[in-house]
């Protein structure tokens, strides 16, 4: 809780500076509307690995300044949060550049720019953004979808979020395609995942809008994990809990990875980079690298 009550919240910006988020968990990315003060007040207690404060399409043009002020107000009074905090701005030429400039002095972890199409926009955003913050993008256009594998022009561009509704519109495809086992959606997800990984960018899968349909949301998470995703956009705490459970690294995986790491390093010190293990069979360097990957994301 950032403010003890919200009856008469202060209008004066505070001086608190949240420490940068140091954990690497990215299972859940919860979207919050900055016009909802109750939701903003829970940022420091959220179970979401990531929180995105949305200034873009969910906010009417007449209230964008109010939403921006609310974000600044709560960030400047927040002492700590275990969540990675992201602010989703409008497109750079529709107010996003000014929003980034205003927010730079406040304490959060990343900016996410909307409706990206080209490397030029990414380069422009990087010049505007303070060096201590990451850059994320919303992949919502056919241009970005086609060129994602080439967009990783700077290591500060770390993450891409699939905005599937806008992407389908950009492609001239109906939203009715969004269903489990639809081959077109499977292709979109697969291409997004592989192209993002090729560019060295972390991919976060789309937001499932039917908040009360937890069964289908869980099914999407399970399917996406099977495909190779590690992260899901979430609408609220209920979806966060499901995503955190589905995308968690299991105790078995951690035990196996620790065993492989220790065994490989022991054998490698003796000049053996490939050997039979009594518990997990043949182990070589690619198996070892996969174990390290698991341990680095637990």
Protein backbone atom coordinates (compact mmCIF):
# COMPACT_ATOMS: atom_id res chain seq x y z
CA UNK A 1 0.00 0.00 0.00
CA UNK A 2 1.53 3.28 -1.12
CA UNK A 3 -0.99 5.66 0.46
CA UNK A 4 -2.78 4.75 3.70
CA UNK A 5 -6.05 5.93 2.18
CA UNK A 6 -7.18 7.42 -1.11
CA UNK A 7 -9.80 9.80 0.23
CA UNK A 8 -7.62 12.86 -0.35
CA UNK A 9 -4.36 11.72 -1.97
CA UNK A 10 -1.66 14.36 -2.18
CA UNK A 11 -1.12 16.16 -5.45
CA UNK A 12 2.53 16.80 -4.67
CA UNK A 13 5.15 14.52 -6.19
CA UNK A 14 7.26 12.69 -3.64
CA UNK A 15 10.97 11.97 -3.55
CA UNK A 16 10.96 8.17 -3.18
CA UNK A 17 13.18 6.18 -5.54
CA UNK A 18 12.29 2.52 -5.94
CA UNK A 19 15.32 0.31 -6.31
CA UNK A 20 15.70 -1.26 -9.78
CA UNK A 21 14.13 -4.71 -10.06
CA UNK A 22 16.83 -7.36 -9.82
CA UNK A 23 14.93 -10.63 -10.22
CA UNK A 24 14.75 -12.23 -13.66
CA UNK A 25 11.27 -13.76 -13.39
CA UNK A 26 8.96 -12.75 -16.24
CA UNK A 27 6.09 -15.20 -15.88
CA UNK A 28 3.32 -12.62 -15.59
CA UNK A 29 2.97 -9.09 -16.93
CA UNK A 30 -0.11 -7.42 -15.43
CA UNK A 31 -1.63 -4.40 -17.14
CA UNK A 32 -2.93 -1.64 -14.86
CA UNK A 33 -5.10 1.34 -15.72
CA UNK A 34 -3.55 4.46 -14.10
CA UNK A 35 -6.98 6.04 -13.73
CA UNK A 36 -7.79 3.36 -11.13
CA UNK A 37 -6.15 4.67 -7.96
CA UNK A 38 -6.99 1.54 -5.98
CA UNK A 39 -5.02 -0.59 -8.42
CA UNK A 40 -2.08 1.81 -8.42
CA UNK A 41 -2.02 1.69 -4.64
CA UNK A 42 -1.36 -2.07 -4.71
CA UNK A 43 1.74 -1.93 -6.94
CA UNK A 44 4.09 -2.45 -4.02
CA UNK A 45 2.24 -5.60 -2.93
CA UNK A 46 1.53 -7.25 -6.29
CA UNK A 47 2.46 -10.87 -7.04
CA UNK A 48 2.98 -10.03 -10.72
CA UNK A 49 6.55 -10.41 -11.92
CA UNK A 50 5.98 -7.38 -14.15
CA UNK A 51 3.47 -4.51 -14.02
CA UNK A 52 2.63 -2.35 -17.03
CA UNK A 53 1.03 1.04 -16.42
CA UNK A 54 -0.95 1.74 -19.57
CA UNK A 55 -1.13 5.24 -21.03
CA UNK A 56 -2.20 4.16 -24.49
CA UNK A 57 -5.40 2.74 -25.97
CA UNK A 58 -7.33 2.16 -22.73
CA UNK A 59 -7.07 5.86 -21.83
CA UNK A 60 -9.28 8.44 -23.56
CA UNK A 61 -7.33 11.36 -25.10
CA UNK A 62 -9.02 13.80 -22.72
CA UNK A 63 -7.66 11.90 -19.68
CA UNK A 64 -4.12 11.02 -20.75
CA UNK A 65 -2.55 13.90 -18.79
CA UNK A 66 -4.48 12.81 -15.69
CA UNK A 67 -3.25 9.24 -16.13
CA UNK A 68 0.34 10.43 -16.59
CA UNK A 69 0.10 12.55 -13.43
CA UNK A 70 -1.25 9.56 -11.46
CA UNK A 71 1.65 7.39 -12.58
CA UNK A 72 4.20 10.02 -11.58
CA UNK A 73 2.46 10.60 -8.25
CA UNK A 74 2.38 6.95 -7.21
CA UNK A 75 5.89 6.18 -8.48
CA UNK A 76 7.28 9.14 -6.54
CA UNK A 77 5.71 7.89 -3.29
CA UNK A 78 6.48 4.16 -3.74
CA UNK A 79 9.37 2.98 -1.59
CA UNK A 80 9.65 -0.58 -2.89
CA UNK A 81 8.08 -3.13 -5.20
CA UNK A 82 9.09 -6.67 -6.08
CA UNK A 83 7.53 -6.21 -9.53
CA UNK A 84 9.37 -4.95 -12.60
CA UNK A 85 7.56 -1.67 -13.36
CA UNK A 86 6.91 -0.64 -16.98
CA UNK A 87 5.13 2.41 -18.37
CA UNK A 88 3.41 1.89 -21.72
CA UNK A 89 3.45 5.17 -23.60
CA UNK A 90 1.59 6.30 -26.67
CA UNK A 91 3.31 6.13 -30.09
CA UNK A 92 6.24 8.53 -30.20
CA UNK A 93 4.55 10.91 -32.64
CA UNK A 94 1.29 10.87 -30.68
CA UNK A 95 2.60 12.09 -27.33
CA UNK A 96 4.93 9.22 -26.47
CA UNK A 97 8.11 11.27 -26.88
CA UNK A 98 6.83 13.89 -24.45
CA UNK A 99 5.68 11.20 -21.99
CA UNK A 100 9.15 9.61 -21.97
CA UNK A 101 10.83 12.97 -21.40
CA UNK A 102 8.50 13.72 -18.49
CA UNK A 103 8.87 10.29 -16.86
CA UNK A 104 12.66 9.92 -17.15
CA UNK A 105 13.36 11.34 -13.68
CA UNK A 106 10.92 9.01 -11.93
CA UNK A 107 11.91 5.58 -10.62
CA UNK A 108 10.69 2.59 -12.65
CA UNK A 109 12.31 -0.10 -14.80
CA UNK A 110 11.24 0.23 -18.45
CA UNK A 111 9.32 2.18 -21.07
CA UNK A 112 7.14 0.32 -23.54
CA UNK A 113 6.29 2.14 -26.76
CA UNK A 114 3.18 1.35 -28.77
CA UNK A 115 2.56 0.70 -32.47
CA UNK A 116 6.24 0.33 -33.40
CA UNK A 117 6.98 -0.20 -37.09
CA UNK A 118 10.66 0.52 -37.77
CA UNK A 119 14.20 0.56 -36.38
CA UNK A 120 14.09 4.35 -36.64
CA UNK A 121 11.38 4.58 -33.98
CA UNK A 122 13.37 2.29 -31.69
CA UNK A 123 16.51 4.38 -32.19
CA UNK A 124 14.55 7.55 -31.45
CA UNK A 125 13.08 6.07 -28.27
CA UNK A 126 16.54 4.99 -27.10
CA UNK A 127 17.86 8.53 -27.49
CA UNK A 128 14.97 9.87 -25.39
CA UNK A 129 15.12 7.25 -22.65
CA UNK A 130 17.43 7.55 -19.65
CA UNK A 131 20.25 4.99 -19.63
CA UNK A 132 19.08 3.26 -16.45
CA UNK A 133 15.83 2.04 -18.04
CA UNK A 134 15.04 -0.74 -20.51
CA UNK A 135 13.06 -0.27 -23.70
CA UNK A 136 10.13 -2.59 -24.45
CA UNK A 137 7.90 -2.54 -27.52
CA UNK A 138 4.32 -3.49 -28.28
CA UNK A 139 4.27 -5.58 -31.45
CA UNK A 140 0.97 -4.55 -32.98
CA UNK A 141 1.70 -3.75 -36.64
CA UNK A 142 2.30 -5.91 -39.69
CA UNK A 143 5.53 -4.01 -40.34
CA UNK A 144 6.99 -4.89 -36.94
CA UNK A 145 5.70 -8.46 -37.25
CA UNK A 146 7.52 -8.87 -40.56
CA UNK A 147 10.77 -7.27 -39.36
CA UNK A 148 10.98 -8.30 -35.69
CA UNK A 149 14.10 -10.42 -36.17
CA UNK A 150 15.97 -7.28 -37.31
CA UNK A 151 14.78 -4.90 -34.60
CA UNK A 152 17.28 -5.83 -31.88
CA UNK A 153 19.55 -2.86 -32.55
CA UNK A 154 20.52 -2.22 -28.91
CA UNK A 155 20.72 -4.39 -25.81
CA UNK A 156 18.44 -1.96 -23.94
CA UNK A 157 15.62 -3.16 -26.21
CA UNK A 158 14.94 -6.22 -24.12
CA UNK A 159 11.29 -7.22 -24.55
CA UNK A 160 8.47 -7.42 -27.09
CA UNK A 161 4.80 -7.76 -26.12
CA UNK A 162 2.41 -9.31 -28.63
CA UNK A 163 -0.65 -7.08 -29.09
CA UNK A 164 -2.61 -9.61 -31.03
CA UNK A 165 -5.86 -7.65 -31.50
CA UNK A 166 -4.11 -4.70 -33.12
CA UNK A 167 -1.85 -7.02 -35.10
CA UNK A 168 -4.81 -8.92 -36.55
CA UNK A 169 -6.41 -5.61 -37.52
CA UNK A 170 -3.17 -4.48 -39.15
CA UNK A 171 -3.10 -7.75 -41.11
CA UNK A 172 -6.76 -7.42 -42.11
CA UNK A 173 -7.72 -10.55 -40.16
CA UNK A 174 -10.73 -10.98 -37.83
CA UNK A 175 -10.39 -11.37 -34.06
CA UNK A 176 -12.60 -14.48 -34.30
CA UNK A 177 -9.44 -16.38 -35.26
CA UNK A 178 -8.24 -16.23 -31.65
CA UNK A 179 -8.98 -19.73 -30.44
CA UNK A 180 -6.94 -22.65 -29.21
CA UNK A 181 -5.47 -24.79 -32.02
CA UNK A 182 -6.24 -22.25 -34.74
CA UNK A 183 -3.39 -22.73 -37.25
CA UNK A 184 -3.11 -19.02 -38.11
CA UNK A 185 -2.78 -18.04 -34.45
CA UNK A 186 -0.29 -20.87 -33.90
CA UNK A 187 1.76 -19.48 -36.80
CA UNK A 188 1.63 -15.93 -35.42
CA UNK A 189 2.73 -17.11 -31.99
CA UNK A 190 5.51 -19.31 -33.38
CA UNK A 191 6.88 -16.62 -35.69
CA UNK A 192 6.72 -14.01 -32.94
CA UNK A 193 8.56 -16.32 -30.53
CA UNK A 194 11.34 -17.37 -32.92
CA UNK A 195 11.88 -13.93 -34.45
CA UNK A 196 12.07 -12.32 -31.00
CA UNK A 197 14.58 -14.91 -29.82
CA UNK A 198 16.58 -14.42 -33.03
CA UNK A 199 16.79 -10.70 -32.25
CA UNK A 200 17.76 -11.34 -28.62
CA UNK A 201 14.44 -9.96 -27.40
CA UNK A 202 12.27 -11.57 -24.73
CA UNK A 203 8.76 -12.36 -26.09
CA UNK A 204 5.61 -11.95 -23.96
CA UNK A 205 2.44 -13.55 -25.30
CA UNK A 206 -0.85 -11.75 -25.75
CA UNK A 207 -3.48 -10.72 -23.22
CA UNK A 208 -6.55 -12.94 -22.97
CA UNK A 209 -9.45 -10.53 -22.54
CA UNK A 210 -12.05 -12.90 -21.05
CA UNK A 211 -10.97 -12.28 -17.48
CA UNK A 212 -13.50 -14.59 -15.81
CA UNK A 213 -12.73 -17.55 -18.12
CA UNK A 214 -9.81 -18.86 -16.08
CA UNK A 215 -10.03 -22.33 -17.63
CA UNK A 216 -9.34 -21.07 -21.14
CA UNK A 217 -6.69 -18.63 -19.92
CA UNK A 218 -4.85 -21.50 -18.24
CA UNK A 219 -5.15 -23.57 -21.42
CA UNK A 220 -3.54 -20.74 -23.39
CA UNK A 221 -0.70 -20.52 -20.85
CA UNK A 222 -0.11 -24.27 -21.02
CA UNK A 223 -0.10 -24.25 -24.82
CA UNK A 224 2.26 -21.28 -24.97
CA UNK A 225 4.64 -22.88 -22.47
CA UNK A 226 4.68 -25.99 -24.65
CA UNK A 227 5.64 -23.74 -27.59
CA UNK A 228 8.53 -22.21 -25.64
CA UNK A 229 7.04 -19.05 -24.12
CA UNK A 230 7.97 -18.08 -20.58
CA UNK A 231 5.66 -15.07 -20.12
CA UNK A 232 2.01 -14.05 -20.46
CA UNK A 233 0.24 -10.70 -20.37
CA UNK A 234 -2.38 -10.62 -17.59
CA UNK A 235 -5.47 -8.54 -16.82
CA UNK A 236 -5.52 -8.92 -13.05
CA UNK A 237 -4.45 -10.92 -9.98
CA UNK A 238 -6.45 -14.00 -10.95
CA UNK A 239 -4.61 -14.34 -14.24
CA UNK A 240 -1.30 -13.48 -12.56
CA UNK A 241 -1.68 -16.41 -10.18
CA UNK A 242 -2.36 -18.82 -13.05
CA UNK A 243 0.51 -17.52 -15.19
CA UNK A 244 2.93 -17.68 -12.27
CA UNK A 245 1.97 -21.30 -11.65
CA UNK A 246 2.07 -22.47 -15.28
CA UNK A 247 5.32 -20.72 -16.24
CA UNK A 248 7.14 -21.55 -13.00
CA UNK A 249 10.20 -23.79 -13.18
CA UNK A 250 9.27 -27.05 -11.42
CA UNK A 251 11.29 -28.45 -8.49
CA UNK A 252 12.17 -31.44 -10.70
CA UNK A 253 13.62 -29.15 -13.40
CA UNK A 254 15.68 -27.23 -10.84
CA UNK A 255 16.99 -30.43 -9.22
CA UNK A 256 17.90 -31.87 -12.62
CA UNK A 257 19.58 -28.65 -13.75
CA UNK A 258 21.64 -28.37 -10.56
CA UNK A 259 22.76 -31.99 -10.89
CA UNK A 260 23.75 -31.54 -14.53
CA UNK A 261 25.62 -28.30 -13.80
CA UNK A 262 27.60 -29.82 -10.96
CA UNK A 263 28.32 -33.07 -12.78
CA UNK A 264 29.36 -31.39 -16.05
CA UNK A 265 31.66 -28.92 -14.32
CA UNK A 266 33.31 -31.74 -12.35
CA UNK A 267 33.89 -33.81 -15.50
CA UNK A 268 34.96 -30.78 -17.58
CA UNK A 269 37.69 -30.05 -15.03
CA UNK A 270 39.01 -33.53 -15.87
CA UNK A 271 38.84 -32.87 -19.62
CA UNK A 272 35.55 -34.77 -20.20
CA UNK A 273 32.84 -32.70 -21.92
CA UNK A 274 30.68 -35.71 -22.78
CA UNK A 275 29.88 -38.59 -20.42
CA UNK A 276 27.14 -40.96 -19.20
CA UNK A 277 25.39 -39.96 -15.99
CA UNK A 278 23.73 -42.61 -13.83
CA UNK A 279 20.66 -40.44 -13.22
CA UNK A 280 20.06 -38.42 -16.42
CA UNK A 281 21.88 -40.31 -19.14
CA UNK A 282 24.29 -38.71 -21.60
CA UNK A 283 25.43 -35.20 -20.70
CA UNK A 284 27.47 -32.90 -22.92
CA UNK A 285 27.93 -29.15 -23.35
CA UNK A 286 24.52 -28.44 -25.00
CA UNK A 287 22.78 -30.26 -22.12
CA UNK A 288 24.87 -28.22 -19.67
CA UNK A 289 23.95 -24.94 -21.39
CA UNK A 290 20.25 -25.82 -21.19
CA UNK A 291 20.64 -26.48 -17.45
CA UNK A 292 22.24 -23.06 -17.00
CA UNK A 293 19.35 -21.47 -18.91
CA UNK A 294 16.87 -23.05 -16.48
CA UNK A 295 18.84 -21.98 -13.42
CA UNK A 296 19.14 -18.40 -14.69
CA UNK A 297 15.35 -18.04 -15.03
CA UNK A 298 14.10 -19.74 -11.88
